[in-house]
Amino acid sequence: AFMTKELGYPPSLIANEMSISLNGTSKRCDSVV
């Protein structure tokens, strides 16, 4: 909310719980901009 309301981050360009593949294992990033 701070990022979108105060810092001008477009909500559509923030992903929560983003899955990434790392050395063949799946990890979750809390938020990716």
ModelCIF file with pLDDT and N, C-alpha, C, O atoms, coordinates in Angstrom:
data_MODEL
#
_entry.id   MODEL 
#
_entity.id                         1 
_entity.type                       polymer 
_entity.pdbx_number_of_molecules   1 
#
_entity_poly.entity_id                      1 
_entity_poly.type                           'polypeptide(L)' 
_entity_poly.nstd_linkage                   no 
_entity_poly.nstd_monomer                   no 
_entity_poly.pdbx_seq_one_letter_code       AFMTKELGYPPSLIANEMSISLNGTSKRCDSVV 
_entity_poly.pdbx_seq_one_letter_code_can   AFMTKELGYPPSLIANEMSISLNGTSKRCDSVV 
_entity_poly.pdbx_strand_id                 A 
#
loop_
_entity_poly_seq.entity_id 
_entity_poly_seq.num 
_entity_poly_seq.mon_id 
_entity_poly_seq.hetero 
1 1  ALA n 
1 2  PHE n 
1 3  MET n 
1 4  THR n 
1 5  LYS n 
1 6  GLU n 
1 7  LEU n 
1 8  GLY n 
1 9  TYR n 
1 10 PRO n 
1 11 PRO n 
1 12 SER n 
1 13 LEU n 
1 14 ILE n 
1 15 ALA n 
1 16 ASN n 
1 17 GLU n 
1 18 MET n 
1 19 SER n 
1 20 ILE n 
1 21 SER n 
1 22 LEU n 
1 23 ASN n 
1 24 GLY n 
1 25 THR n 
1 26 SER n 
1 27 LYS n 
1 28 ARG n 
1 29 CYS n 
1 30 ASP n 
1 31 SER n 
1 32 VAL n 
1 33 VAL n 
#
_struct_asym.id          A 
_struct_asym.entity_id   1 
#
loop_
_ma_qa_metric.id 
_ma_qa_metric.mode 
_ma_qa_metric.name 
_ma_qa_metric.software_group_id 
_ma_qa_metric.type 
1 global pLDDT . pLDDT 
2 local  pLDDT . pLDDT 
#
_ma_qa_metric_global.metric_id      1 
_ma_qa_metric_global.metric_value   92.64 
_ma_qa_metric_global.model_id       1 
_ma_qa_metric_global.ordinal_id     1 
#
loop_
_ma_qa_metric_local.label_asym_id 
_ma_qa_metric_local.label_comp_id 
_ma_qa_metric_local.label_seq_id 
_ma_qa_metric_local.metric_id 
_ma_qa_metric_local.metric_value 
_ma_qa_metric_local.model_id 
_ma_qa_metric_local.ordinal_id 
A ALA 1  2 98.00 1 1  
A PHE 2  2 98.00 1 2  
A MET 3  2 98.00 1 3  
A THR 4  2 97.00 1 4  
A LYS 5  2 97.00 1 5  
A GLU 6  2 97.00 1 6  
A LEU 7  2 97.00 1 7  
A GLY 8  2 98.00 1 8  
A TYR 9  2 98.00 1 9  
A PRO 10 2 97.00 1 10 
A PRO 11 2 97.00 1 11 
A SER 12 2 96.00 1 12 
A LEU 13 2 97.00 1 13 
A ILE 14 2 97.00 1 14 
A ALA 15 2 96.00 1 15 
A ASN 16 2 96.00 1 16 
A GLU 17 2 93.00 1 17 
A MET 18 2 88.00 1 18 
A SER 19 2 89.00 1 19 
A ILE 20 2 85.00 1 20 
A SER 21 2 85.00 1 21 
A LEU 22 2 80.00 1 22 
A ASN 23 2 81.00 1 23 
A GLY 24 2 85.00 1 24 
A THR 25 2 84.00 1 25 
A SER 26 2 86.00 1 26 
A LYS 27 2 84.00 1 27 
A ARG 28 2 89.00 1 28 
A CYS 29 2 91.00 1 29 
A ASP 30 2 95.00 1 30 
A SER 31 2 96.00 1 31 
A VAL 32 2 95.00 1 32 
A VAL 33 2 97.00 1 33 
#
loop_
_atom_site.group_PDB 
_atom_site.id 
_atom_site.type_symbol 
_atom_site.label_atom_id 
_atom_site.label_alt_id 
_atom_site.label_comp_id 
_atom_site.label_asym_id 
_atom_site.label_entity_id 
_atom_site.label_seq_id 
_atom_site.pdbx_PDB_ins_code 
_atom_site.Cartn_x 
_atom_site.Cartn_y 
_atom_site.Cartn_z 
_atom_site.occupancy 
_atom_site.B_iso_or_equiv 
_atom_site.pdbx_formal_charge 
_atom_site.auth_seq_id 
_atom_site.auth_comp_id 
_atom_site.auth_asym_id 
_atom_site.auth_atom_id 
_atom_site.pdbx_PDB_model_num 
ATOM 1   N N  . ALA A 1 1  ? 0.846  -1.209  0.000   1.00 98.00 ? 1  ALA A N  1 
ATOM 2   C CA . ALA A 1 1  ? 0.000  0.000   0.000   1.00 98.00 ? 1  ALA A CA 1 
ATOM 3   C C  . ALA A 1 1  ? 0.877  1.254   0.000   1.00 98.00 ? 1  ALA A C  1 
ATOM 4   O O  . ALA A 1 1  ? 0.590  2.224   -0.702  1.00 98.00 ? 1  ALA A O  1 
ATOM 5   N N  . PHE A 1 2  ? 1.946  1.222   0.794   1.00 98.00 ? 2  PHE A N  1 
ATOM 6   C CA . PHE A 1 2  ? 2.912  2.331   0.845   1.00 98.00 ? 2  PHE A CA 1 
ATOM 7   C C  . PHE A 1 2  ? 3.538  2.532   -0.544  1.00 98.00 ? 2  PHE A C  1 
ATOM 8   O O  . PHE A 1 2  ? 3.667  3.664   -1.011  1.00 98.00 ? 2  PHE A O  1 
ATOM 9   N N  . MET A 1 3  ? 3.920  1.442   -1.190  1.00 98.00 ? 3  MET A N  1 
ATOM 10  C CA . MET A 1 3  ? 4.545  1.540   -2.515  1.00 98.00 ? 3  MET A CA 1 
ATOM 11  C C  . MET A 1 3  ? 3.590  2.131   -3.550  1.00 98.00 ? 3  MET A C  1 
ATOM 12  O O  . MET A 1 3  ? 3.977  2.989   -4.344  1.00 98.00 ? 3  MET A O  1 
ATOM 13  N N  . THR A 1 4  ? 2.333  1.664   -3.535  1.00 97.00 ? 4  THR A N  1 
ATOM 14  C CA . THR A 1 4  ? 1.393  2.127   -4.560  1.00 97.00 ? 4  THR A CA 1 
ATOM 15  C C  . THR A 1 4  ? 0.866  3.527   -4.253  1.00 97.00 ? 4  THR A C  1 
ATOM 16  O O  . THR A 1 4  ? 0.747  4.357   -5.154  1.00 97.00 ? 4  THR A O  1 
ATOM 17  N N  . LYS A 1 5  ? 0.550  3.794   -2.976  1.00 97.00 ? 5  LYS A N  1 
ATOM 18  C CA . LYS A 1 5  ? -0.078 5.080   -2.650  1.00 97.00 ? 5  LYS A CA 1 
ATOM 19  C C  . LYS A 1 5  ? 0.919  6.218   -2.473  1.00 97.00 ? 5  LYS A C  1 
ATOM 20  O O  . LYS A 1 5  ? 0.647  7.348   -2.879  1.00 97.00 ? 5  LYS A O  1 
ATOM 21  N N  . GLU A 1 6  ? 2.077  5.929   -1.866  1.00 97.00 ? 6  GLU A N  1 
ATOM 22  C CA . GLU A 1 6  ? 3.028  7.001   -1.565  1.00 97.00 ? 6  GLU A CA 1 
ATOM 23  C C  . GLU A 1 6  ? 4.163  7.105   -2.581  1.00 97.00 ? 6  GLU A C  1 
ATOM 24  O O  . GLU A 1 6  ? 4.675  8.194   -2.841  1.00 97.00 ? 6  GLU A O  1 
ATOM 25  N N  . LEU A 1 7  ? 4.549  5.968   -3.149  1.00 97.00 ? 7  LEU A N  1 
ATOM 26  C CA . LEU A 1 7  ? 5.743  5.968   -4.004  1.00 97.00 ? 7  LEU A CA 1 
ATOM 27  C C  . LEU A 1 7  ? 5.417  5.817   -5.499  1.00 97.00 ? 7  LEU A C  1 
ATOM 28  O O  . LEU A 1 7  ? 6.322  5.776   -6.332  1.00 97.00 ? 7  LEU A O  1 
ATOM 29  N N  . GLY A 1 8  ? 4.141  5.737   -5.825  1.00 98.00 ? 8  GLY A N  1 
ATOM 30  C CA . GLY A 1 8  ? 3.741  5.742   -7.229  1.00 98.00 ? 8  GLY A CA 1 
ATOM 31  C C  . GLY A 1 8  ? 3.963  4.450   -7.994  1.00 98.00 ? 8  GLY A C  1 
ATOM 32  O O  . GLY A 1 8  ? 4.051  4.471   -9.222  1.00 98.00 ? 8  GLY A O  1 
ATOM 33  N N  . TYR A 1 9  ? 4.057  3.325   -7.295  1.00 98.00 ? 9  TYR A N  1 
ATOM 34  C CA . TYR A 1 9  ? 4.210  2.042   -7.999  1.00 98.00 ? 9  TYR A CA 1 
ATOM 35  C C  . TYR A 1 9  ? 2.859  1.622   -8.572  1.00 98.00 ? 9  TYR A C  1 
ATOM 36  O O  . TYR A 1 9  ? 1.872  1.576   -7.837  1.00 98.00 ? 9  TYR A O  1 
ATOM 37  N N  . PRO A 1 10 ? 2.793  1.314   -9.875  1.00 97.00 ? 10 PRO A N  1 
ATOM 38  C CA . PRO A 1 10 ? 1.518  0.851   -10.430 1.00 97.00 ? 10 PRO A CA 1 
ATOM 39  C C  . PRO A 1 10 ? 1.170  -0.530  -9.855  1.00 97.00 ? 10 PRO A C  1 
ATOM 40  O O  . PRO A 1 10 ? 1.974  -1.457  -9.950  1.00 97.00 ? 10 PRO A O  1 
ATOM 41  N N  . PRO A 1 11 ? -0.025 -0.674  -9.259  1.00 97.00 ? 11 PRO A N  1 
ATOM 42  C CA . PRO A 1 11 ? -0.403 -1.973  -8.689  1.00 97.00 ? 11 PRO A CA 1 
ATOM 43  C C  . PRO A 1 11 ? -0.299 -3.115  -9.709  1.00 97.00 ? 11 PRO A C  1 
ATOM 44  O O  . PRO A 1 11 ? 0.009  -4.250  -9.348  1.00 97.00 ? 11 PRO A O  1 
ATOM 45  N N  . SER A 1 12 ? -0.555 -2.807  -10.962 1.00 96.00 ? 12 SER A N  1 
ATOM 46  C CA . SER A 1 12 ? -0.519 -3.855  -11.991 1.00 96.00 ? 12 SER A CA 1 
ATOM 47  C C  . SER A 1 12 ? 0.891  -4.368  -12.258 1.00 96.00 ? 12 SER A C  1 
ATOM 48  O O  . SER A 1 12 ? 1.063  -5.397  -12.911 1.00 96.00 ? 12 SER A O  1 
ATOM 49  N N  . LEU A 1 13 ? 1.912  -3.651  -11.754 1.00 97.00 ? 13 LEU A N  1 
ATOM 50  C CA . LEU A 1 13 ? 3.296  -4.065  -11.996 1.00 97.00 ? 13 LEU A CA 1 
ATOM 51  C C  . LEU A 1 13 ? 3.966  -4.633  -10.734 1.00 97.00 ? 13 LEU A C  1 
ATOM 52  O O  . LEU A 1 13 ? 5.188  -4.765  -10.672 1.00 97.00 ? 13 LEU A O  1 
ATOM 53  N N  . ILE A 1 14 ? 3.142  -4.963  -9.735  1.00 97.00 ? 14 ILE A N  1 
ATOM 54  C CA . ILE A 1 14 ? 3.660  -5.635  -8.538  1.00 97.00 ? 14 ILE A CA 1 
ATOM 55  C C  . ILE A 1 14 ? 3.002  -7.006  -8.460  1.00 97.00 ? 14 ILE A C  1 
ATOM 56  O O  . ILE A 1 14 ? 1.776  -7.111  -8.503  1.00 97.00 ? 14 ILE A O  1 
ATOM 57  N N  . ALA A 1 15 ? 3.804  -8.050  -8.346  1.00 96.00 ? 15 ALA A N  1 
ATOM 58  C CA . ALA A 1 15 ? 3.270  -9.408  -8.209  1.00 96.00 ? 15 ALA A CA 1 
ATOM 59  C C  . ALA A 1 15 ? 3.600  -9.930  -6.821  1.00 96.00 ? 15 ALA A C  1 
ATOM 60  O O  . ALA A 1 15 ? 4.754  -9.881  -6.396  1.00 96.00 ? 15 ALA A O  1 
ATOM 61  N N  . ASN A 1 16 ? 2.596  -10.428 -6.114  1.00 96.00 ? 16 ASN A N  1 
ATOM 62  C CA . ASN A 1 16 ? 2.802  -11.032 -4.798  1.00 96.00 ? 16 ASN A CA 1 
ATOM 63  C C  . ASN A 1 16 ? 2.912  -12.545 -4.923  1.00 96.00 ? 16 ASN A C  1 
ATOM 64  O O  . ASN A 1 16 ? 2.223  -13.166 -5.733  1.00 96.00 ? 16 ASN A O  1 
ATOM 65  N N  . GLU A 1 17 ? 3.789  -13.129 -4.109  1.00 93.00 ? 17 GLU A N  1 
ATOM 66  C CA . GLU A 1 17 ? 3.977  -14.579 -4.093  1.00 93.00 ? 17 GLU A CA 1 
ATOM 67  C C  . GLU A 1 17 ? 4.336  -15.097 -5.478  1.00 93.00 ? 17 GLU A C  1 
ATOM 68  O O  . GLU A 1 17 ? 3.697  -16.005 -6.010  1.00 93.00 ? 17 GLU A O  1 
ATOM 69  N N  . MET A 1 18 ? 5.351  -14.510 -6.032  1.00 88.00 ? 18 MET A N  1 
ATOM 70  C CA . MET A 1 18 ? 5.784  -14.833 -7.381  1.00 88.00 ? 18 MET A CA 1 
ATOM 71  C C  . MET A 1 18 ? 6.657  -16.089 -7.343  1.00 88.00 ? 18 MET A C  1 
ATOM 72  O O  . MET A 1 18 ? 7.666  -16.119 -6.638  1.00 88.00 ? 18 MET A O  1 
ATOM 73  N N  . SER A 1 19 ? 6.280  -17.109 -8.085  1.00 89.00 ? 19 SER A N  1 
ATOM 74  C CA . SER A 1 19 ? 7.104  -18.324 -8.128  1.00 89.00 ? 19 SER A CA 1 
ATOM 75  C C  . SER A 1 19 ? 8.239  -18.163 -9.125  1.00 89.00 ? 19 SER A C  1 
ATOM 76  O O  . SER A 1 19 ? 8.039  -17.712 -10.252 1.00 89.00 ? 19 SER A O  1 
ATOM 77  N N  . ILE A 1 20 ? 9.429  -18.539 -8.691  1.00 85.00 ? 20 ILE A N  1 
ATOM 78  C CA . ILE A 1 20 ? 10.571 -18.516 -9.608  1.00 85.00 ? 20 ILE A CA 1 
ATOM 79  C C  . ILE A 1 20 ? 11.251 -19.874 -9.541  1.00 85.00 ? 20 ILE A C  1 
ATOM 80  O O  . ILE A 1 20 ? 11.126 -20.600 -8.555  1.00 85.00 ? 20 ILE A O  1 
ATOM 81  N N  . SER A 1 21 ? 11.962 -20.199 -10.589 1.00 85.00 ? 21 SER A N  1 
ATOM 82  C CA . SER A 1 21 ? 12.692 -21.451 -10.615 1.00 85.00 ? 21 SER A CA 1 
ATOM 83  C C  . SER A 1 21 ? 14.160 -21.155 -10.354 1.00 85.00 ? 21 SER A C  1 
ATOM 84  O O  . SER A 1 21 ? 14.772 -20.331 -11.034 1.00 85.00 ? 21 SER A O  1 
ATOM 85  N N  . LEU A 1 22 ? 14.716 -21.836 -9.361  1.00 80.00 ? 22 LEU A N  1 
ATOM 86  C CA . LEU A 1 22 ? 16.095 -21.590 -8.957  1.00 80.00 ? 22 LEU A CA 1 
ATOM 87  C C  . LEU A 1 22 ? 16.814 -22.923 -8.856  1.00 80.00 ? 22 LEU A C  1 
ATOM 88  O O  . LEU A 1 22 ? 16.505 -23.742 -7.991  1.00 80.00 ? 22 LEU A O  1 
ATOM 89  N N  . ASN A 1 23 ? 17.776 -23.134 -9.745  1.00 81.00 ? 23 ASN A N  1 
ATOM 90  C CA . ASN A 1 23 ? 18.507 -24.410 -9.766  1.00 81.00 ? 23 ASN A CA 1 
ATOM 91  C C  . ASN A 1 23 ? 17.552 -25.602 -9.731  1.00 81.00 ? 23 ASN A C  1 
ATOM 92  O O  . ASN A 1 23 ? 17.772 -26.569 -9.001  1.00 81.00 ? 23 ASN A O  1 
ATOM 93  N N  . GLY A 1 24 ? 16.506 -25.519 -10.518 1.00 85.00 ? 24 GLY A N  1 
ATOM 94  C CA . GLY A 1 24 ? 15.573 -26.638 -10.609 1.00 85.00 ? 24 GLY A CA 1 
ATOM 95  C C  . GLY A 1 24 ? 14.573 -26.748 -9.478  1.00 85.00 ? 24 GLY A C  1 
ATOM 96  O O  . GLY A 1 24 ? 13.728 -27.643 -9.494  1.00 85.00 ? 24 GLY A O  1 
ATOM 97  N N  . THR A 1 25 ? 14.644 -25.859 -8.493  1.00 84.00 ? 25 THR A N  1 
ATOM 98  C CA . THR A 1 25 ? 13.635 -25.877 -7.433  1.00 84.00 ? 25 THR A CA 1 
ATOM 99  C C  . THR A 1 25 ? 12.771 -24.634 -7.535  1.00 84.00 ? 25 THR A C  1 
ATOM 100 O O  . THR A 1 25 ? 13.212 -23.593 -8.022  1.00 84.00 ? 25 THR A O  1 
ATOM 101 N N  . SER A 1 26 ? 11.544 -24.754 -7.075  1.00 86.00 ? 26 SER A N  1 
ATOM 102 C CA . SER A 1 26 ? 10.621 -23.628 -7.134  1.00 86.00 ? 26 SER A CA 1 
ATOM 103 C C  . SER A 1 26 ? 10.703 -22.843 -5.831  1.00 86.00 ? 26 SER A C  1 
ATOM 104 O O  . SER A 1 26 ? 10.587 -23.419 -4.749  1.00 86.00 ? 26 SER A O  1 
ATOM 105 N N  . LYS A 1 27 ? 10.900 -21.534 -5.930  1.00 84.00 ? 27 LYS A N  1 
ATOM 106 C CA . LYS A 1 27 ? 10.949 -20.652 -4.755  1.00 84.00 ? 27 LYS A CA 1 
ATOM 107 C C  . LYS A 1 27 ? 9.884  -19.581 -4.942  1.00 84.00 ? 27 LYS A C  1 
ATOM 108 O O  . LYS A 1 27 ? 9.433  -19.319 -6.058  1.00 84.00 ? 27 LYS A O  1 
ATOM 109 N N  . ARG A 1 28 ? 9.493  -18.969 -3.832  1.00 89.00 ? 28 ARG A N  1 
ATOM 110 C CA . ARG A 1 28 ? 8.499  -17.903 -3.912  1.00 89.00 ? 28 ARG A CA 1 
ATOM 111 C C  . ARG A 1 28 ? 9.107  -16.585 -3.457  1.00 89.00 ? 28 ARG A C  1 
ATOM 112 O O  . ARG A 1 28 ? 9.667  -16.497 -2.364  1.00 89.00 ? 28 ARG A O  1 
ATOM 113 N N  . CYS A 1 29 ? 8.997  -15.569 -4.288  1.00 91.00 ? 29 CYS A N  1 
ATOM 114 C CA . CYS A 1 29 ? 9.380  -14.211 -3.875  1.00 91.00 ? 29 CYS A CA 1 
ATOM 115 C C  . CYS A 1 29 ? 8.142  -13.560 -3.271  1.00 91.00 ? 29 CYS A C  1 
ATOM 116 O O  . CYS A 1 29 ? 7.041  -13.714 -3.800  1.00 91.00 ? 29 CYS A O  1 
ATOM 117 N N  . ASP A 1 30 ? 8.313  -12.836 -2.171  1.00 95.00 ? 30 ASP A N  1 
ATOM 118 C CA . ASP A 1 30 ? 7.159  -12.207 -1.528  1.00 95.00 ? 30 ASP A CA 1 
ATOM 119 C C  . ASP A 1 30 ? 6.496  -11.188 -2.452  1.00 95.00 ? 30 ASP A C  1 
ATOM 120 O O  . ASP A 1 30 ? 5.285  -11.242 -2.664  1.00 95.00 ? 30 ASP A O  1 
ATOM 121 N N  . SER A 1 31 ? 7.277  -10.266 -3.001  1.00 96.00 ? 31 SER A N  1 
ATOM 122 C CA . SER A 1 31 ? 6.753  -9.339  -4.016  1.00 96.00 ? 31 SER A CA 1 
ATOM 123 C C  . SER A 1 31 ? 7.840  -9.102  -5.055  1.00 96.00 ? 31 SER A C  1 
ATOM 124 O O  . SER A 1 31 ? 9.023  -9.023  -4.726  1.00 96.00 ? 31 SER A O  1 
ATOM 125 N N  . VAL A 1 32 ? 7.426  -8.989  -6.306  1.00 95.00 ? 32 VAL A N  1 
ATOM 126 C CA . VAL A 1 32 ? 8.351  -8.622  -7.383  1.00 95.00 ? 32 VAL A CA 1 
ATOM 127 C C  . VAL A 1 32 ? 7.742  -7.429  -8.108  1.00 95.00 ? 32 VAL A C  1 
ATOM 128 O O  . VAL A 1 32 ? 6.558  -7.429  -8.445  1.00 95.00 ? 32 VAL A O  1 
ATOM 129 N N  . VAL A 1 33 ? 8.573  -6.409  -8.344  1.00 97.00 ? 33 VAL A N  1 
ATOM 130 C CA . VAL A 1 33 ? 8.129  -5.216  -9.076  1.00 97.00 ? 33 VAL A CA 1 
ATOM 131 C C  . VAL A 1 33 ? 8.697  -5.291  -10.487 1.00 97.00 ? 33 VAL A C  1 
ATOM 132 O O  . VAL A 1 33 ? 8.460  -4.395  -11.296 1.00 97.00 ? 33 VAL A O  1 
#
